[in-house]
Amino acid sequence: MRKKVDCRDYLSEMNCTLVITGEEEEVVRAATEHAVSVHGHQDSPELREQIRASLKDEVPQHA
């Protein structure tokens, strides 16, 4: 099952609207890079675990 993380789920001064979807490891890696480069977090095992714990299953959109 694909996973997703949505910046809109977190309070942010920038009102970031980025949504990242993909396989779990891809999402954790991309979300970590985004959190560091855009939101000023430090890359750490704790940050990656927080991101991993916040992942949601992606609900497929049906036409």
N, C-alpha and C. Protein backbone atom coordinates (compact mmCIF):
# COMPACT_ATOMS: atom_id res chain seq x y z
N MET A 1 0.85 -1.18 0.00
CA MET A 1 0.00 0.00 0.00
C MET A 1 0.88 1.24 0.00
N ARG A 2 0.57 2.17 -0.87
CA ARG A 2 1.31 3.43 -0.91
C ARG A 2 0.97 4.25 0.33
N LYS A 3 1.92 5.09 0.73
CA LYS A 3 1.76 5.94 1.91
C LYS A 3 1.78 7.39 1.48
N LYS A 4 1.29 8.27 2.40
CA LYS A 4 1.35 9.71 2.11
C LYS A 4 1.57 10.47 3.40
N VAL A 5 2.14 11.66 3.24
CA VAL A 5 2.27 12.63 4.32
C VAL A 5 1.88 13.98 3.73
N ASP A 6 1.15 14.76 4.52
CA ASP A 6 0.59 16.02 4.03
C ASP A 6 0.98 17.13 5.00
N CYS A 7 1.73 18.11 4.52
CA CYS A 7 2.16 19.23 5.38
C CYS A 7 0.98 19.99 5.98
N ARG A 8 -0.16 19.95 5.33
CA ARG A 8 -1.33 20.67 5.85
C ARG A 8 -1.81 20.10 7.19
N ASP A 9 -1.36 18.89 7.53
CA ASP A 9 -1.75 18.26 8.80
C ASP A 9 -0.97 18.83 9.98
N TYR A 10 0.01 19.70 9.72
CA TYR A 10 0.88 20.23 10.77
C TYR A 10 0.85 21.75 10.76
N LEU A 11 0.89 22.33 11.94
CA LEU A 11 0.93 23.79 12.03
C LEU A 11 2.26 24.28 11.49
N SER A 12 2.19 25.31 10.66
CA SER A 12 3.40 25.86 10.05
C SER A 12 3.16 27.33 9.75
N GLU A 13 4.17 28.14 10.01
CA GLU A 13 4.06 29.56 9.69
C GLU A 13 3.98 29.79 8.19
N MET A 14 4.47 28.84 7.39
CA MET A 14 4.49 29.01 5.94
C MET A 14 3.23 28.53 5.26
N ASN A 15 2.33 27.89 6.01
CA ASN A 15 1.12 27.32 5.42
C ASN A 15 1.45 26.42 4.24
N CYS A 16 2.42 25.55 4.44
CA CYS A 16 2.88 24.63 3.40
C CYS A 16 1.76 23.66 3.02
N THR A 17 1.62 23.40 1.73
CA THR A 17 0.56 22.52 1.25
C THR A 17 1.10 21.28 0.54
N LEU A 18 2.38 20.98 0.70
CA LEU A 18 2.98 19.85 0.00
C LEU A 18 2.40 18.53 0.49
N VAL A 19 2.10 17.63 -0.45
CA VAL A 19 1.70 16.26 -0.15
C VAL A 19 2.69 15.35 -0.87
N ILE A 20 3.22 14.38 -0.14
CA ILE A 20 4.18 13.43 -0.71
C ILE A 20 3.55 12.04 -0.63
N THR A 21 3.52 11.33 -1.76
CA THR A 21 2.98 9.97 -1.79
C THR A 21 3.96 9.04 -2.47
N GLY A 22 3.93 7.78 -2.07
CA GLY A 22 4.79 6.78 -2.67
C GLY A 22 4.97 5.61 -1.73
N GLU A 23 5.95 4.78 -2.02
CA GLU A 23 6.28 3.68 -1.13
C GLU A 23 6.84 4.25 0.17
N GLU A 24 6.67 3.54 1.27
CA GLU A 24 7.00 4.07 2.60
C GLU A 24 8.41 4.67 2.68
N GLU A 25 9.42 3.95 2.23
CA GLU A 25 10.79 4.46 2.35
C GLU A 25 11.00 5.71 1.50
N GLU A 26 10.38 5.76 0.31
CA GLU A 26 10.48 6.95 -0.54
C GLU A 26 9.87 8.16 0.15
N VAL A 27 8.72 7.97 0.78
CA VAL A 27 8.02 9.08 1.43
C VAL A 27 8.81 9.57 2.64
N VAL A 28 9.33 8.64 3.44
CA VAL A 28 10.12 9.04 4.61
C VAL A 28 11.35 9.83 4.16
N ARG A 29 12.04 9.35 3.14
CA ARG A 29 13.24 10.04 2.65
C ARG A 29 12.89 11.43 2.11
N ALA A 30 11.88 11.52 1.25
CA ALA A 30 11.51 12.81 0.65
C ALA A 30 10.96 13.77 1.71
N ALA A 31 10.15 13.27 2.63
CA ALA A 31 9.59 14.14 3.66
C ALA A 31 10.67 14.65 4.60
N THR A 32 11.67 13.82 4.88
CA THR A 32 12.78 14.25 5.72
C THR A 32 13.56 15.36 5.01
N GLU A 33 13.87 15.15 3.74
CA GLU A 33 14.59 16.18 2.98
C GLU A 33 13.79 17.48 2.95
N HIS A 34 12.49 17.39 2.77
CA HIS A 34 11.63 18.58 2.76
C HIS A 34 11.62 19.26 4.12
N ALA A 35 11.49 18.48 5.19
CA ALA A 35 11.46 19.05 6.54
C ALA A 35 12.75 19.79 6.86
N VAL A 36 13.87 19.26 6.38
CA VAL A 36 15.17 19.89 6.63
C VAL A 36 15.34 21.14 5.76
N SER A 37 15.10 21.01 4.46
CA SER A 37 15.40 22.12 3.55
C SER A 37 14.39 23.24 3.61
N VAL A 38 13.13 22.95 3.89
CA VAL A 38 12.09 23.98 3.86
C VAL A 38 11.71 24.45 5.26
N HIS A 39 11.61 23.51 6.19
CA HIS A 39 11.09 23.84 7.52
C HIS A 39 12.18 23.98 8.58
N GLY A 40 13.45 23.75 8.21
CA GLY A 40 14.55 24.01 9.12
C GLY A 40 14.79 22.96 10.20
N HIS A 41 14.20 21.77 10.04
CA HIS A 41 14.44 20.71 11.02
C HIS A 41 15.83 20.11 10.81
N GLN A 42 16.34 19.45 11.84
CA GLN A 42 17.60 18.71 11.73
C GLN A 42 17.28 17.26 11.37
N ASP A 43 18.00 16.72 10.38
CA ASP A 43 17.82 15.31 10.02
C ASP A 43 18.34 14.46 11.17
N SER A 44 17.50 13.59 11.67
CA SER A 44 17.89 12.71 12.77
C SER A 44 17.02 11.46 12.72
N PRO A 45 17.47 10.40 13.39
CA PRO A 45 16.63 9.20 13.47
C PRO A 45 15.27 9.50 14.10
N GLU A 46 15.25 10.43 15.06
CA GLU A 46 13.99 10.79 15.72
C GLU A 46 13.03 11.45 14.74
N LEU A 47 13.53 12.37 13.91
CA LEU A 47 12.69 13.02 12.91
C LEU A 47 12.13 11.98 11.94
N ARG A 48 12.99 11.09 11.47
CA ARG A 48 12.53 10.06 10.53
C ARG A 48 11.46 9.16 11.15
N GLU A 49 11.61 8.85 12.42
CA GLU A 49 10.60 8.02 13.10
C GLU A 49 9.30 8.78 13.30
N GLN A 50 9.39 10.08 13.58
CA GLN A 50 8.17 10.89 13.70
C GLN A 50 7.43 10.92 12.36
N ILE A 51 8.18 11.09 11.30
CA ILE A 51 7.57 11.10 9.96
C ILE A 51 6.96 9.75 9.67
N ARG A 52 7.70 8.68 9.92
CA ARG A 52 7.20 7.33 9.66
C ARG A 52 5.89 7.08 10.44
N ALA A 53 5.85 7.52 11.69
CA ALA A 53 4.67 7.30 12.52
C ALA A 53 3.47 8.11 12.03
N SER A 54 3.72 9.20 11.31
CA SER A 54 2.62 10.06 10.86
C SER A 54 2.09 9.67 9.48
N LEU A 55 2.71 8.70 8.82
CA LEU A 55 2.27 8.30 7.49
C LEU A 55 0.85 7.76 7.52
N LYS A 56 0.13 8.06 6.46
CA LYS A 56 -1.23 7.54 6.30
C LYS A 56 -1.27 6.72 5.02
N ASP A 57 -2.19 5.78 4.97
CA ASP A 57 -2.39 5.02 3.74
C ASP A 57 -2.99 5.94 2.69
N GLU A 58 -2.48 5.84 1.47
CA GLU A 58 -3.04 6.63 0.39
C GLU A 58 -4.34 5.98 -0.06
N VAL A 59 -5.39 6.76 -0.14
CA VAL A 59 -6.67 6.24 -0.60
C VAL A 59 -6.76 6.52 -2.10
N PRO A 60 -6.81 5.45 -2.90
CA PRO A 60 -6.87 5.66 -4.34
C PRO A 60 -8.11 6.46 -4.75
N GLN A 61 -7.92 7.36 -5.70
CA GLN A 61 -9.04 8.15 -6.23
C GLN A 61 -9.66 7.38 -7.40
N HIS A 62 -10.93 7.16 -7.33
CA HIS A 62 -11.63 6.46 -8.43
C HIS A 62 -12.38 7.47 -9.26
N ALA A 63 -12.28 7.30 -10.56
CA ALA A 63 -12.95 8.23 -11.49
C ALA A 63 -14.42 7.94 -11.57
